[in-house]
Amino acid sequence: MITGIVPYLVTNGNGQEAVKFYQHALGAEVLSLQTFGDMPGNPGNPLPPEAKDLVLNAQMKIGNASLMLSDNFPGGPYQLGSQVTIALLINDVSEANEVFEKLQDGGNVTMPIQETFWSPAYGQVTDKFGVQWQVSAESQK
């Protein structure tokens, strides 16, 4: 079952500043903030030192609404107009895979759906209408 649809902002290396700005401007409560440096190391693909303090994922609460944010990975493409994506939270891995499959019809997969350290099934896809989705199965704890 889909449990949430959340606006997801992508910043270009100034995510920490953006989080502080939204705390001040909107009264956002930071529920969690992970940096790229918090990720498990990968010897085959080491993290560039300049990425260590960039925001991997921040989750904020603003009133009754949620907002998520991350920095673009250094060196990755960043285009104005693509700062807002939609995070789709699903409580079942098989349903996450099914929704991802349907969203990619006529679209473009940015990151195939796969297990990550934060989700049993996570992927990114731009649908045929140009909407960027982040499909994420919630961890089964």
N, C-alpha and C. Protein backbone atom coordinates (compact mmCIF):
# COMPACT_ATOMS: atom_id res chain seq x y z
N MET A 1 0.84 -1.18 0.00
CA MET A 1 0.00 0.00 0.00
C MET A 1 0.89 1.24 0.00
N ILE A 2 0.52 2.21 -0.80
CA ILE A 2 1.23 3.48 -0.81
C ILE A 2 0.91 4.19 0.50
N THR A 3 1.98 4.58 1.23
CA THR A 3 1.79 5.22 2.53
C THR A 3 2.06 6.72 2.51
N GLY A 4 2.65 7.21 1.42
CA GLY A 4 2.90 8.64 1.38
C GLY A 4 3.46 9.10 0.05
N ILE A 5 3.16 10.33 -0.30
CA ILE A 5 3.75 11.02 -1.44
C ILE A 5 4.35 12.30 -0.88
N VAL A 6 5.67 12.47 -1.08
CA VAL A 6 6.38 13.56 -0.43
C VAL A 6 7.16 14.36 -1.47
N PRO A 7 7.03 15.70 -1.48
CA PRO A 7 7.90 16.51 -2.33
C PRO A 7 9.35 16.30 -1.91
N TYR A 8 10.24 16.17 -2.89
CA TYR A 8 11.66 15.88 -2.63
C TYR A 8 12.49 16.90 -3.39
N LEU A 9 13.18 17.76 -2.66
CA LEU A 9 14.00 18.81 -3.27
C LEU A 9 15.42 18.31 -3.47
N VAL A 10 16.02 18.66 -4.59
CA VAL A 10 17.41 18.31 -4.87
C VAL A 10 18.18 19.61 -5.01
N THR A 11 19.20 19.76 -4.16
CA THR A 11 20.01 20.98 -4.16
C THR A 11 21.38 20.67 -4.76
N ASN A 12 22.10 21.71 -5.12
CA ASN A 12 23.37 21.55 -5.82
C ASN A 12 24.55 21.86 -4.89
N GLY A 13 24.68 21.05 -3.83
CA GLY A 13 25.81 21.21 -2.92
C GLY A 13 25.55 22.13 -1.74
N ASN A 14 24.35 22.68 -1.66
CA ASN A 14 24.05 23.58 -0.54
C ASN A 14 22.86 23.06 0.29
N GLY A 15 22.76 21.75 0.40
CA GLY A 15 21.66 21.13 1.13
C GLY A 15 21.63 21.48 2.61
N GLN A 16 22.81 21.52 3.25
CA GLN A 16 22.85 21.88 4.68
C GLN A 16 22.30 23.28 4.88
N GLU A 17 22.68 24.19 3.99
CA GLU A 17 22.18 25.57 4.05
C GLU A 17 20.67 25.60 3.81
N ALA A 18 20.19 24.79 2.85
CA ALA A 18 18.75 24.76 2.55
C ALA A 18 17.96 24.25 3.74
N VAL A 19 18.45 23.22 4.42
CA VAL A 19 17.75 22.70 5.60
C VAL A 19 17.62 23.79 6.65
N LYS A 20 18.70 24.51 6.92
CA LYS A 20 18.66 25.60 7.91
C LYS A 20 17.70 26.70 7.47
N PHE A 21 17.70 26.99 6.17
CA PHE A 21 16.80 28.01 5.64
C PHE A 21 15.34 27.62 5.87
N TYR A 22 14.99 26.36 5.57
CA TYR A 22 13.60 25.93 5.74
C TYR A 22 13.22 25.81 7.22
N GLN A 23 14.20 25.52 8.06
CA GLN A 23 13.92 25.56 9.51
C GLN A 23 13.52 26.98 9.91
N HIS A 24 14.29 27.94 9.44
CA HIS A 24 14.03 29.34 9.80
C HIS A 24 12.77 29.88 9.11
N ALA A 25 12.68 29.69 7.79
CA ALA A 25 11.60 30.31 7.02
C ALA A 25 10.25 29.64 7.23
N LEU A 26 10.25 28.31 7.40
CA LEU A 26 8.99 27.57 7.45
C LEU A 26 8.74 26.88 8.79
N GLY A 27 9.67 27.02 9.72
CA GLY A 27 9.52 26.33 11.00
C GLY A 27 9.67 24.83 10.87
N ALA A 28 10.43 24.38 9.88
CA ALA A 28 10.60 22.95 9.64
C ALA A 28 11.29 22.29 10.83
N GLU A 29 10.79 21.12 11.18
CA GLU A 29 11.42 20.29 12.20
C GLU A 29 12.20 19.20 11.46
N VAL A 30 13.51 19.13 11.70
CA VAL A 30 14.34 18.12 11.05
C VAL A 30 14.16 16.80 11.79
N LEU A 31 13.58 15.82 11.10
CA LEU A 31 13.36 14.51 11.69
C LEU A 31 14.60 13.63 11.55
N SER A 32 15.31 13.78 10.44
CA SER A 32 16.57 13.04 10.24
C SER A 32 17.38 13.75 9.17
N LEU A 33 18.70 13.57 9.25
CA LEU A 33 19.60 14.11 8.25
C LEU A 33 20.79 13.18 8.15
N GLN A 34 21.00 12.62 6.97
CA GLN A 34 22.16 11.77 6.71
C GLN A 34 23.01 12.45 5.65
N THR A 35 24.32 12.32 5.77
CA THR A 35 25.22 12.85 4.76
C THR A 35 25.78 11.70 3.92
N PHE A 36 26.37 12.04 2.80
CA PHE A 36 27.01 11.01 1.99
C PHE A 36 28.10 10.31 2.80
N GLY A 37 28.73 11.03 3.73
CA GLY A 37 29.75 10.44 4.58
C GLY A 37 29.20 9.40 5.54
N ASP A 38 27.89 9.39 5.77
CA ASP A 38 27.26 8.39 6.64
C ASP A 38 27.02 7.06 5.94
N MET A 39 27.15 7.04 4.59
CA MET A 39 26.92 5.80 3.85
C MET A 39 28.03 4.79 4.16
N PRO A 40 27.69 3.50 4.07
CA PRO A 40 28.75 2.49 4.19
C PRO A 40 29.77 2.69 3.07
N GLY A 41 31.04 2.50 3.37
CA GLY A 41 32.10 2.67 2.39
C GLY A 41 32.03 1.62 1.28
N ASN A 42 32.48 2.01 0.11
CA ASN A 42 32.55 1.10 -1.03
C ASN A 42 33.94 1.24 -1.64
N PRO A 43 34.85 0.28 -1.35
CA PRO A 43 36.23 0.39 -1.84
C PRO A 43 36.32 0.49 -3.37
N GLY A 44 35.36 -0.11 -4.08
CA GLY A 44 35.36 -0.05 -5.53
C GLY A 44 34.92 1.29 -6.08
N ASN A 45 34.27 2.08 -5.25
CA ASN A 45 33.78 3.39 -5.66
C ASN A 45 33.89 4.34 -4.46
N PRO A 46 35.12 4.75 -4.12
CA PRO A 46 35.30 5.57 -2.92
C PRO A 46 34.61 6.93 -3.04
N LEU A 47 34.16 7.43 -1.91
CA LEU A 47 33.48 8.71 -1.84
C LEU A 47 34.49 9.84 -1.97
N PRO A 48 34.26 10.79 -2.89
CA PRO A 48 35.16 11.94 -2.97
C PRO A 48 35.10 12.73 -1.67
N PRO A 49 36.25 13.23 -1.18
CA PRO A 49 36.26 13.98 0.09
C PRO A 49 35.27 15.13 0.11
N GLU A 50 35.06 15.80 -1.03
CA GLU A 50 34.16 16.96 -1.05
C GLU A 50 32.69 16.57 -0.90
N ALA A 51 32.38 15.27 -0.97
CA ALA A 51 31.00 14.82 -0.84
C ALA A 51 30.63 14.43 0.59
N LYS A 52 31.62 14.28 1.46
CA LYS A 52 31.42 13.76 2.81
C LYS A 52 30.31 14.47 3.59
N ASP A 53 30.25 15.79 3.53
CA ASP A 53 29.28 16.54 4.33
C ASP A 53 28.02 16.94 3.55
N LEU A 54 27.93 16.52 2.30
CA LEU A 54 26.73 16.83 1.52
C LEU A 54 25.56 15.99 2.02
N VAL A 55 24.36 16.51 1.87
CA VAL A 55 23.16 15.85 2.37
C VAL A 55 22.77 14.70 1.44
N LEU A 56 22.76 13.49 2.00
CA LEU A 56 22.26 12.32 1.29
C LEU A 56 20.74 12.31 1.37
N ASN A 57 20.19 12.57 2.56
CA ASN A 57 18.75 12.62 2.74
C ASN A 57 18.43 13.37 4.02
N ALA A 58 17.54 14.35 3.91
CA ALA A 58 17.00 15.04 5.07
C ALA A 58 15.49 14.88 5.02
N GLN A 59 14.91 14.58 6.17
CA GLN A 59 13.45 14.49 6.27
C GLN A 59 13.00 15.53 7.27
N MET A 60 12.05 16.35 6.82
CA MET A 60 11.55 17.44 7.66
C MET A 60 10.03 17.38 7.75
N LYS A 61 9.54 17.90 8.83
CA LYS A 61 8.10 18.04 9.05
C LYS A 61 7.80 19.53 9.09
N ILE A 62 6.83 19.95 8.30
CA ILE A 62 6.40 21.35 8.27
C ILE A 62 4.90 21.33 8.49
N GLY A 63 4.45 21.71 9.68
CA GLY A 63 3.04 21.57 10.02
C GLY A 63 2.69 20.10 9.98
N ASN A 64 1.66 19.75 9.21
CA ASN A 64 1.27 18.36 9.04
C ASN A 64 1.86 17.73 7.79
N ALA A 65 2.73 18.47 7.09
CA ALA A 65 3.29 18.00 5.82
C ALA A 65 4.74 17.54 5.99
N SER A 66 5.18 16.73 5.06
CA SER A 66 6.56 16.26 5.03
C SER A 66 7.28 16.87 3.84
N LEU A 67 8.58 17.04 3.99
CA LEU A 67 9.44 17.51 2.92
C LEU A 67 10.76 16.76 3.03
N MET A 68 11.28 16.30 1.89
CA MET A 68 12.57 15.61 1.88
C MET A 68 13.52 16.40 0.98
N LEU A 69 14.82 16.22 1.22
CA LEU A 69 15.81 17.01 0.50
C LEU A 69 17.11 16.23 0.44
N SER A 70 17.84 16.39 -0.67
CA SER A 70 19.20 15.86 -0.76
C SER A 70 20.00 16.74 -1.70
N ASP A 71 21.32 16.62 -1.57
CA ASP A 71 22.22 17.27 -2.52
C ASP A 71 22.41 16.37 -3.72
N ASN A 72 22.66 16.98 -4.85
CA ASN A 72 23.07 16.26 -6.04
C ASN A 72 24.48 15.71 -5.78
N PHE A 73 24.76 14.51 -6.23
CA PHE A 73 26.10 13.95 -6.02
C PHE A 73 27.11 14.75 -6.83
N PRO A 74 28.27 15.09 -6.25
CA PRO A 74 29.27 15.91 -6.96
C PRO A 74 29.62 15.31 -8.32
N GLY A 75 29.62 16.18 -9.32
CA GLY A 75 29.96 15.75 -10.67
C GLY A 75 28.77 15.23 -11.46
N GLY A 76 27.67 14.96 -10.76
CA GLY A 76 26.47 14.49 -11.45
C GLY A 76 25.78 15.65 -12.14
N PRO A 77 24.97 15.35 -13.15
CA PRO A 77 24.28 16.43 -13.85
C PRO A 77 23.27 17.12 -12.94
N TYR A 78 23.21 18.41 -13.05
CA TYR A 78 22.24 19.20 -12.28
C TYR A 78 21.68 20.24 -13.23
N GLN A 79 20.39 20.24 -13.38
CA GLN A 79 19.75 21.13 -14.33
C GLN A 79 18.66 21.90 -13.61
N LEU A 80 18.69 23.22 -13.75
CA LEU A 80 17.62 24.02 -13.16
C LEU A 80 16.29 23.54 -13.71
N GLY A 81 15.31 23.46 -12.83
CA GLY A 81 14.00 22.94 -13.21
C GLY A 81 13.80 21.50 -12.78
N SER A 82 14.88 20.85 -12.36
CA SER A 82 14.76 19.46 -11.92
C SER A 82 15.00 19.33 -10.42
N GLN A 83 14.79 20.40 -9.67
CA GLN A 83 15.05 20.38 -8.24
C GLN A 83 13.97 19.68 -7.44
N VAL A 84 12.79 19.49 -8.00
CA VAL A 84 11.70 18.88 -7.24
C VAL A 84 11.34 17.54 -7.87
N THR A 85 11.42 16.50 -7.07
CA THR A 85 10.96 15.18 -7.47
C THR A 85 9.88 14.76 -6.49
N ILE A 86 9.30 13.59 -6.72
CA ILE A 86 8.28 13.10 -5.81
C ILE A 86 8.74 11.76 -5.25
N ALA A 87 8.80 11.69 -3.92
CA ALA A 87 9.14 10.45 -3.24
C ALA A 87 7.85 9.69 -2.97
N LEU A 88 7.80 8.46 -3.44
CA LEU A 88 6.63 7.61 -3.27
C LEU A 88 7.00 6.52 -2.28
N LEU A 89 6.40 6.54 -1.09
CA LEU A 89 6.70 5.59 -0.03
C LEU A 89 5.68 4.47 -0.05
N ILE A 90 6.17 3.22 -0.07
CA ILE A 90 5.31 2.05 -0.18
C ILE A 90 5.72 1.05 0.88
N ASN A 91 4.74 0.42 1.55
CA ASN A 91 5.07 -0.47 2.67
C ASN A 91 5.26 -1.92 2.26
N ASP A 92 5.36 -2.20 0.96
CA ASP A 92 5.49 -3.58 0.50
C ASP A 92 6.47 -3.61 -0.69
N VAL A 93 7.49 -4.46 -0.63
CA VAL A 93 8.51 -4.52 -1.67
C VAL A 93 7.93 -4.92 -3.02
N SER A 94 7.06 -5.92 -3.05
CA SER A 94 6.51 -6.36 -4.33
C SER A 94 5.66 -5.25 -4.96
N GLU A 95 4.92 -4.51 -4.16
CA GLU A 95 4.13 -3.41 -4.70
C GLU A 95 5.04 -2.28 -5.18
N ALA A 96 6.15 -2.02 -4.47
CA ALA A 96 7.10 -1.00 -4.92
C ALA A 96 7.65 -1.37 -6.29
N ASN A 97 8.00 -2.64 -6.48
CA ASN A 97 8.49 -3.10 -7.78
C ASN A 97 7.42 -2.95 -8.86
N GLU A 98 6.19 -3.28 -8.53
CA GLU A 98 5.08 -3.19 -9.48
C GLU A 98 4.82 -1.74 -9.89
N VAL A 99 4.79 -0.83 -8.91
CA VAL A 99 4.56 0.58 -9.20
C VAL A 99 5.71 1.13 -10.05
N PHE A 100 6.94 0.77 -9.70
CA PHE A 100 8.11 1.22 -10.45
C PHE A 100 8.00 0.77 -11.91
N GLU A 101 7.64 -0.49 -12.10
CA GLU A 101 7.48 -1.05 -13.45
C GLU A 101 6.45 -0.26 -14.25
N LYS A 102 5.36 0.10 -13.63
CA LYS A 102 4.30 0.84 -14.33
C LYS A 102 4.75 2.28 -14.64
N LEU A 103 5.46 2.91 -13.70
CA LEU A 103 5.91 4.29 -13.93
C LEU A 103 6.94 4.37 -15.05
N GLN A 104 7.74 3.32 -15.24
CA GLN A 104 8.78 3.38 -16.27
C GLN A 104 8.24 3.17 -17.68
N ASP A 105 6.98 2.77 -17.84
CA ASP A 105 6.39 2.55 -19.15
C ASP A 105 6.40 3.87 -19.94
N GLY A 106 7.20 3.93 -20.98
CA GLY A 106 7.31 5.13 -21.79
C GLY A 106 8.22 6.18 -21.19
N GLY A 107 8.83 5.88 -20.05
CA GLY A 107 9.69 6.84 -19.37
C GLY A 107 11.15 6.43 -19.44
N ASN A 108 11.93 6.91 -18.46
CA ASN A 108 13.37 6.67 -18.43
C ASN A 108 13.82 6.34 -17.01
N VAL A 109 14.43 5.18 -16.83
CA VAL A 109 14.92 4.78 -15.52
C VAL A 109 16.25 5.46 -15.25
N THR A 110 16.33 6.20 -14.15
CA THR A 110 17.56 6.86 -13.73
C THR A 110 18.39 5.92 -12.87
N MET A 111 17.71 5.20 -11.98
CA MET A 111 18.36 4.22 -11.10
C MET A 111 17.41 3.03 -11.00
N PRO A 112 17.83 1.86 -11.49
CA PRO A 112 16.95 0.69 -11.40
C PRO A 112 16.58 0.40 -9.95
N ILE A 113 15.39 -0.12 -9.75
CA ILE A 113 14.96 -0.43 -8.39
C ILE A 113 15.84 -1.55 -7.84
N GLN A 114 16.33 -1.35 -6.62
CA GLN A 114 17.28 -2.27 -6.01
C GLN A 114 17.32 -2.08 -4.51
N GLU A 115 17.92 -3.04 -3.83
CA GLU A 115 18.09 -2.91 -2.38
C GLU A 115 19.20 -1.90 -2.11
N THR A 116 18.96 -1.02 -1.13
CA THR A 116 19.97 -0.06 -0.68
C THR A 116 20.10 -0.22 0.83
N PHE A 117 21.03 0.51 1.42
CA PHE A 117 21.17 0.38 2.87
C PHE A 117 20.01 1.02 3.63
N TRP A 118 19.19 1.85 2.95
CA TRP A 118 18.05 2.47 3.63
C TRP A 118 16.71 1.88 3.21
N SER A 119 16.68 1.07 2.17
CA SER A 119 15.41 0.54 1.68
C SER A 119 15.60 -0.83 1.04
N PRO A 120 14.66 -1.74 1.24
CA PRO A 120 14.75 -3.03 0.58
C PRO A 120 14.48 -2.95 -0.93
N ALA A 121 13.91 -1.84 -1.41
CA ALA A 121 13.67 -1.63 -2.84
C ALA A 121 13.55 -0.13 -3.10
N TYR A 122 14.53 0.43 -3.80
CA TYR A 122 14.55 1.87 -4.09
C TYR A 122 14.98 2.07 -5.54
N GLY A 123 14.29 2.94 -6.26
CA GLY A 123 14.68 3.28 -7.62
C GLY A 123 14.19 4.65 -8.01
N GLN A 124 14.78 5.19 -9.07
CA GLN A 124 14.41 6.50 -9.57
C GLN A 124 14.01 6.37 -11.04
N VAL A 125 12.92 7.02 -11.40
CA VAL A 125 12.42 6.94 -12.77
C VAL A 125 11.76 8.27 -13.13
N THR A 126 11.94 8.68 -14.39
CA THR A 126 11.21 9.82 -14.93
C THR A 126 10.12 9.25 -15.82
N ASP A 127 8.88 9.57 -15.51
CA ASP A 127 7.78 8.99 -16.30
C ASP A 127 7.65 9.68 -17.66
N LYS A 128 6.76 9.19 -18.48
CA LYS A 128 6.62 9.71 -19.84
C LYS A 128 6.14 11.15 -19.90
N PHE A 129 5.73 11.71 -18.76
CA PHE A 129 5.31 13.11 -18.71
C PHE A 129 6.41 14.03 -18.16
N GLY A 130 7.59 13.45 -17.88
CA GLY A 130 8.72 14.22 -17.37
C GLY A 130 8.75 14.37 -15.86
N VAL A 131 7.86 13.69 -15.15
CA VAL A 131 7.82 13.76 -13.69
C VAL A 131 8.85 12.77 -13.13
N GLN A 132 9.69 13.25 -12.22
CA GLN A 132 10.73 12.42 -11.62
C GLN A 132 10.21 11.82 -10.31
N TRP A 133 10.26 10.48 -10.23
CA TRP A 133 9.77 9.73 -9.08
C TRP A 133 10.92 9.02 -8.39
N GLN A 134 10.86 8.97 -7.05
CA GLN A 134 11.74 8.14 -6.25
C GLN A 134 10.83 7.13 -5.55
N VAL A 135 10.88 5.89 -6.00
CA VAL A 135 10.02 4.84 -5.42
C VAL A 135 10.83 4.16 -4.33
N SER A 136 10.27 4.08 -3.13
CA SER A 136 11.00 3.53 -1.99
C SER A 136 10.09 2.66 -1.14
N ALA A 137 10.49 1.38 -1.01
CA ALA A 137 9.80 0.51 -0.07
C ALA A 137 10.34 0.84 1.31
N GLU A 138 9.44 0.95 2.26
CA GLU A 138 9.85 1.25 3.63
C GLU A 138 10.47 0.00 4.24
N SER A 139 11.49 0.20 5.04
CA SER A 139 12.20 -0.92 5.67
C SER A 139 11.24 -1.73 6.53
N GLN A 140 11.38 -3.02 6.43
CA GLN A 140 10.59 -3.93 7.24
C GLN A 140 11.37 -4.24 8.51
N LYS A 141 11.09 -3.54 9.58
CA LYS A 141 11.87 -3.68 10.82
C LYS A 141 11.20 -4.64 11.77
